[in-house]
Amino acid sequence: MAQRAVDILSERQALDIALIDISRASTFTDYFVVATAQSPLQFNALEEQLEKELKKEGHDLRHREGSKDNGWMLLDFGDIIVHIFSPEKREYYRLEDLWGRTSPVVRFTG
């Protein structure tokens, strides 16, 4: 499912996609998928496509936080949590640095 989320983000032109396996460091989820959106429109497209495609495969969105307006969005699908950031918020939160100390990070470039 995490790879499918990466594929959906890539198809929708998200930037700097990273997959972080936090299964050994966390009990609340197995993977973080982190991506950068270039505009508010892209935030919406990424969110809508992830929810639509993952739902088709039996994975309902459990929780949503943040919004395109504040430059950060969290989409909780249970086994994976997708974080979508504006470039500025991505640099500020630096999730890969925080979680990468104890968990493998795989980057995907287009």
N, C-alpha and C. Protein backbone atom coordinates (compact mmCIF):
# COMPACT_ATOMS: atom_id res chain seq x y z
N MET A 1 0.82 -1.19 0.00
CA MET A 1 0.00 0.00 0.00
C MET A 1 0.86 1.26 0.00
N ALA A 2 1.98 1.23 0.71
CA ALA A 2 2.86 2.40 0.73
C ALA A 2 3.42 2.67 -0.66
N GLN A 3 3.80 1.62 -1.36
CA GLN A 3 4.32 1.80 -2.73
C GLN A 3 3.24 2.34 -3.64
N ARG A 4 2.00 1.91 -3.46
CA ARG A 4 0.89 2.42 -4.27
C ARG A 4 0.71 3.92 -4.03
N ALA A 5 0.81 4.35 -2.77
CA ALA A 5 0.71 5.79 -2.47
C ALA A 5 1.83 6.56 -3.15
N VAL A 6 3.04 6.01 -3.14
CA VAL A 6 4.17 6.64 -3.82
C VAL A 6 3.87 6.76 -5.31
N ASP A 7 3.33 5.71 -5.90
CA ASP A 7 2.99 5.73 -7.34
C ASP A 7 1.95 6.79 -7.65
N ILE A 8 0.92 6.90 -6.83
CA ILE A 8 -0.13 7.90 -7.05
C ILE A 8 0.45 9.30 -6.96
N LEU A 9 1.27 9.55 -5.96
CA LEU A 9 1.90 10.87 -5.81
C LEU A 9 2.79 11.18 -7.01
N SER A 10 3.52 10.20 -7.46
CA SER A 10 4.41 10.39 -8.61
C SER A 10 3.61 10.69 -9.88
N GLU A 11 2.52 9.96 -10.09
CA GLU A 11 1.66 10.19 -11.26
C GLU A 11 1.10 11.60 -11.27
N ARG A 12 0.88 12.17 -10.11
CA ARG A 12 0.33 13.53 -9.97
C ARG A 12 1.42 14.59 -9.81
N GLN A 13 2.65 14.23 -10.13
CA GLN A 13 3.77 15.17 -10.20
C GLN A 13 4.19 15.77 -8.85
N ALA A 14 3.94 15.05 -7.75
CA ALA A 14 4.47 15.50 -6.46
C ALA A 14 6.00 15.46 -6.53
N LEU A 15 6.65 16.33 -5.78
CA LEU A 15 8.10 16.40 -5.79
C LEU A 15 8.70 15.72 -4.57
N ASP A 16 9.95 15.27 -4.72
CA ASP A 16 10.77 14.78 -3.60
C ASP A 16 10.00 13.80 -2.72
N ILE A 17 9.51 12.73 -3.31
CA ILE A 17 8.73 11.73 -2.57
C ILE A 17 9.69 10.84 -1.78
N ALA A 18 9.34 10.63 -0.51
CA ALA A 18 10.16 9.78 0.36
C ALA A 18 9.25 8.77 1.06
N LEU A 19 9.76 7.57 1.21
CA LEU A 19 9.08 6.50 1.93
C LEU A 19 9.93 6.16 3.15
N ILE A 20 9.33 6.26 4.32
CA ILE A 20 10.07 6.00 5.57
C ILE A 20 9.41 4.82 6.27
N ASP A 21 10.17 3.75 6.45
CA ASP A 21 9.68 2.57 7.15
C ASP A 21 9.88 2.78 8.65
N ILE A 22 8.78 3.13 9.33
CA ILE A 22 8.89 3.38 10.77
C ILE A 22 8.32 2.23 11.60
N SER A 23 8.11 1.09 10.97
CA SER A 23 7.45 -0.05 11.63
C SER A 23 8.20 -0.53 12.87
N ARG A 24 9.48 -0.40 12.91
CA ARG A 24 10.24 -0.86 14.09
C ARG A 24 10.32 0.20 15.18
N ALA A 25 10.07 1.45 14.80
CA ALA A 25 10.17 2.55 15.78
C ALA A 25 8.81 3.05 16.25
N SER A 26 7.74 2.51 15.67
CA SER A 26 6.40 3.05 15.93
C SER A 26 5.37 1.94 16.09
N THR A 27 4.35 2.21 16.89
CA THR A 27 3.24 1.27 17.01
C THR A 27 1.97 1.80 16.34
N PHE A 28 1.98 3.06 15.88
CA PHE A 28 0.77 3.66 15.34
C PHE A 28 0.64 3.54 13.83
N THR A 29 1.71 3.25 13.12
CA THR A 29 1.67 3.06 11.67
C THR A 29 2.96 2.36 11.23
N ASP A 30 2.97 1.88 10.00
CA ASP A 30 4.17 1.22 9.48
C ASP A 30 5.04 2.12 8.62
N TYR A 31 4.39 3.01 7.85
CA TYR A 31 5.14 3.84 6.91
C TYR A 31 4.65 5.28 6.92
N PHE A 32 5.58 6.18 6.74
CA PHE A 32 5.29 7.55 6.37
C PHE A 32 5.63 7.68 4.89
N VAL A 33 4.77 8.33 4.15
CA VAL A 33 5.07 8.73 2.78
C VAL A 33 5.04 10.25 2.80
N VAL A 34 6.13 10.87 2.36
CA VAL A 34 6.27 12.32 2.43
C VAL A 34 6.46 12.85 1.01
N ALA A 35 5.76 13.95 0.71
CA ALA A 35 5.86 14.53 -0.64
C ALA A 35 5.66 16.04 -0.55
N THR A 36 6.12 16.72 -1.60
CA THR A 36 5.97 18.16 -1.69
C THR A 36 4.99 18.49 -2.82
N ALA A 37 4.02 19.37 -2.49
CA ALA A 37 3.08 19.90 -3.48
C ALA A 37 3.55 21.28 -3.88
N GLN A 38 3.41 21.61 -5.15
CA GLN A 38 3.91 22.88 -5.67
C GLN A 38 2.89 24.01 -5.62
N SER A 39 1.61 23.68 -5.36
CA SER A 39 0.57 24.71 -5.36
C SER A 39 -0.64 24.21 -4.59
N PRO A 40 -1.55 25.13 -4.20
CA PRO A 40 -2.79 24.69 -3.55
C PRO A 40 -3.62 23.74 -4.43
N LEU A 41 -3.63 23.97 -5.72
CA LEU A 41 -4.35 23.07 -6.62
C LEU A 41 -3.77 21.67 -6.59
N GLN A 42 -2.44 21.59 -6.55
CA GLN A 42 -1.82 20.27 -6.50
C GLN A 42 -2.09 19.58 -5.16
N PHE A 43 -2.13 20.33 -4.06
CA PHE A 43 -2.52 19.75 -2.77
C PHE A 43 -3.85 19.02 -2.92
N ASN A 44 -4.84 19.73 -3.50
CA ASN A 44 -6.17 19.14 -3.67
C ASN A 44 -6.14 17.91 -4.55
N ALA A 45 -5.43 17.99 -5.66
CA ALA A 45 -5.36 16.86 -6.59
C ALA A 45 -4.71 15.65 -5.93
N LEU A 46 -3.65 15.86 -5.17
CA LEU A 46 -2.96 14.76 -4.50
C LEU A 46 -3.88 14.11 -3.47
N GLU A 47 -4.52 14.94 -2.66
CA GLU A 47 -5.42 14.40 -1.63
C GLU A 47 -6.56 13.61 -2.26
N GLU A 48 -7.22 14.20 -3.23
CA GLU A 48 -8.37 13.54 -3.87
C GLU A 48 -7.98 12.23 -4.52
N GLN A 49 -6.87 12.22 -5.24
CA GLN A 49 -6.45 11.01 -5.94
C GLN A 49 -6.03 9.91 -4.97
N LEU A 50 -5.30 10.28 -3.92
CA LEU A 50 -4.92 9.28 -2.91
C LEU A 50 -6.15 8.65 -2.28
N GLU A 51 -7.08 9.50 -1.85
CA GLU A 51 -8.28 8.98 -1.19
C GLU A 51 -9.09 8.09 -2.14
N LYS A 52 -9.26 8.52 -3.37
CA LYS A 52 -10.04 7.78 -4.36
C LYS A 52 -9.39 6.43 -4.69
N GLU A 53 -8.11 6.46 -5.04
CA GLU A 53 -7.43 5.23 -5.48
C GLU A 53 -7.22 4.24 -4.35
N LEU A 54 -6.85 4.72 -3.17
CA LEU A 54 -6.63 3.79 -2.06
C LEU A 54 -7.94 3.21 -1.55
N LYS A 55 -9.01 3.99 -1.62
CA LYS A 55 -10.34 3.47 -1.23
C LYS A 55 -10.75 2.32 -2.14
N LYS A 56 -10.48 2.46 -3.44
CA LYS A 56 -10.79 1.38 -4.40
C LYS A 56 -10.10 0.08 -4.01
N GLU A 57 -8.94 0.22 -3.37
CA GLU A 57 -8.16 -0.96 -2.99
C GLU A 57 -8.43 -1.39 -1.55
N GLY A 58 -9.48 -0.81 -0.94
CA GLY A 58 -9.90 -1.24 0.38
C GLY A 58 -9.28 -0.50 1.55
N HIS A 59 -8.67 0.64 1.29
CA HIS A 59 -8.00 1.41 2.36
C HIS A 59 -8.71 2.76 2.53
N ASP A 60 -9.51 2.86 3.56
CA ASP A 60 -10.25 4.10 3.82
C ASP A 60 -9.39 5.11 4.55
N LEU A 61 -9.63 6.37 4.26
CA LEU A 61 -8.98 7.47 4.98
C LEU A 61 -9.58 7.51 6.38
N ARG A 62 -8.73 7.36 7.39
CA ARG A 62 -9.19 7.34 8.78
C ARG A 62 -9.22 8.73 9.41
N HIS A 63 -8.26 9.54 9.01
CA HIS A 63 -8.13 10.86 9.65
C HIS A 63 -7.38 11.80 8.72
N ARG A 64 -7.76 13.06 8.78
CA ARG A 64 -7.11 14.10 7.98
C ARG A 64 -6.80 15.27 8.91
N GLU A 65 -5.61 15.84 8.76
CA GLU A 65 -5.24 17.05 9.50
C GLU A 65 -4.58 18.02 8.54
N GLY A 66 -4.59 19.29 8.91
CA GLY A 66 -3.95 20.31 8.11
C GLY A 66 -4.75 20.63 6.86
N SER A 67 -4.19 21.53 6.05
CA SER A 67 -4.86 21.93 4.81
C SER A 67 -3.85 22.57 3.87
N LYS A 68 -4.28 22.75 2.65
CA LYS A 68 -3.41 23.41 1.67
C LYS A 68 -3.09 24.84 2.12
N ASP A 69 -4.02 25.44 2.86
CA ASP A 69 -3.83 26.83 3.29
C ASP A 69 -2.69 27.01 4.28
N ASN A 70 -2.42 25.99 5.09
CA ASN A 70 -1.30 26.11 6.03
C ASN A 70 -0.05 25.37 5.54
N GLY A 71 -0.11 24.80 4.33
CA GLY A 71 1.09 24.21 3.72
C GLY A 71 1.46 22.83 4.22
N TRP A 72 0.53 22.17 4.90
CA TRP A 72 0.82 20.84 5.43
C TRP A 72 -0.48 20.06 5.54
N MET A 73 -0.44 18.81 5.12
CA MET A 73 -1.62 17.96 5.19
C MET A 73 -1.17 16.55 5.58
N LEU A 74 -1.89 15.96 6.52
CA LEU A 74 -1.64 14.59 6.94
C LEU A 74 -2.86 13.76 6.57
N LEU A 75 -2.63 12.63 5.91
CA LEU A 75 -3.70 11.71 5.53
C LEU A 75 -3.38 10.35 6.14
N ASP A 76 -4.19 9.92 7.09
CA ASP A 76 -3.95 8.69 7.83
C ASP A 76 -4.79 7.56 7.24
N PHE A 77 -4.12 6.60 6.64
CA PHE A 77 -4.78 5.43 6.07
C PHE A 77 -4.55 4.18 6.92
N GLY A 78 -4.10 4.37 8.15
CA GLY A 78 -3.85 3.22 9.03
C GLY A 78 -2.42 2.74 8.93
N ASP A 79 -2.17 1.83 8.02
CA ASP A 79 -0.81 1.28 7.87
C ASP A 79 0.18 2.29 7.31
N ILE A 80 -0.35 3.31 6.64
CA ILE A 80 0.52 4.39 6.14
C ILE A 80 -0.09 5.73 6.49
N ILE A 81 0.78 6.69 6.70
CA ILE A 81 0.38 8.08 6.88
C ILE A 81 1.11 8.89 5.82
N VAL A 82 0.34 9.62 5.03
CA VAL A 82 0.90 10.44 3.95
C VAL A 82 0.97 11.88 4.45
N HIS A 83 2.14 12.48 4.32
CA HIS A 83 2.36 13.89 4.65
C HIS A 83 2.62 14.64 3.35
N ILE A 84 1.81 15.65 3.09
CA ILE A 84 2.01 16.49 1.91
C ILE A 84 2.36 17.89 2.42
N PHE A 85 3.46 18.42 1.94
CA PHE A 85 3.96 19.71 2.40
C PHE A 85 4.14 20.69 1.25
N SER A 86 4.08 21.97 1.58
CA SER A 86 4.60 23.00 0.69
C SER A 86 6.12 22.91 0.82
N PRO A 87 6.89 23.47 -0.12
CA PRO A 87 8.35 23.42 0.01
C PRO A 87 8.86 24.03 1.32
N GLU A 88 8.25 25.12 1.75
CA GLU A 88 8.70 25.80 2.97
C GLU A 88 8.43 24.95 4.22
N LYS A 89 7.25 24.36 4.29
CA LYS A 89 6.91 23.53 5.45
C LYS A 89 7.71 22.23 5.46
N ARG A 90 8.00 21.71 4.29
CA ARG A 90 8.82 20.49 4.22
C ARG A 90 10.20 20.74 4.81
N GLU A 91 10.78 21.88 4.48
CA GLU A 91 12.09 22.25 5.02
C GLU A 91 12.00 22.49 6.53
N TYR A 92 10.91 23.06 6.97
CA TYR A 92 10.75 23.36 8.40
C TYR A 92 10.61 22.09 9.23
N TYR A 93 9.74 21.17 8.81
CA TYR A 93 9.46 19.97 9.62
C TYR A 93 10.52 18.88 9.48
N ARG A 94 11.12 18.75 8.30
CA ARG A 94 12.23 17.81 8.08
C ARG A 94 11.98 16.42 8.66
N LEU A 95 10.87 15.81 8.30
CA LEU A 95 10.51 14.50 8.83
C LEU A 95 11.54 13.42 8.50
N GLU A 96 12.12 13.51 7.32
CA GLU A 96 13.12 12.50 6.96
C GLU A 96 14.32 12.55 7.90
N ASP A 97 14.73 13.74 8.29
CA ASP A 97 15.85 13.85 9.22
C ASP A 97 15.47 13.33 10.60
N LEU A 98 14.27 13.67 11.03
CA LEU A 98 13.81 13.26 12.36
C LEU A 98 13.66 11.75 12.45
N TRP A 99 12.92 11.14 11.52
CA TRP A 99 12.68 9.71 11.56
C TRP A 99 13.80 8.90 10.94
N GLY A 100 14.58 9.51 10.06
CA GLY A 100 15.66 8.80 9.38
C GLY A 100 16.80 8.38 10.28
N ARG A 101 16.84 8.93 11.47
CA ARG A 101 17.89 8.52 12.43
C ARG A 101 17.73 7.07 12.86
N THR A 102 16.47 6.61 12.88
CA THR A 102 16.20 5.24 13.36
C THR A 102 15.49 4.37 12.33
N SER A 103 15.10 4.95 11.20
CA SER A 103 14.30 4.21 10.23
C SER A 103 14.83 4.44 8.81
N PRO A 104 14.75 3.40 7.96
CA PRO A 104 15.21 3.55 6.58
C PRO A 104 14.34 4.56 5.79
N VAL A 105 15.00 5.39 5.01
CA VAL A 105 14.32 6.36 4.14
C VAL A 105 14.67 6.03 2.70
N VAL A 106 13.65 5.87 1.86
CA VAL A 106 13.86 5.64 0.43
C VAL A 106 13.29 6.83 -0.31
N ARG A 107 14.11 7.46 -1.16
CA ARG A 107 13.68 8.63 -1.93
C ARG A 107 13.36 8.22 -3.35
N PHE A 108 12.34 8.86 -3.91
CA PHE A 108 11.92 8.59 -5.28
C PHE A 108 12.02 9.92 -6.05
N THR A 109 12.70 9.88 -7.16
CA THR A 109 12.85 11.08 -7.98
C THR A 109 12.31 10.78 -9.37
N GLY A 110 11.78 11.83 -10.00
CA GLY A 110 11.20 11.63 -11.32
C GLY A 110 12.09 12.11 -12.41
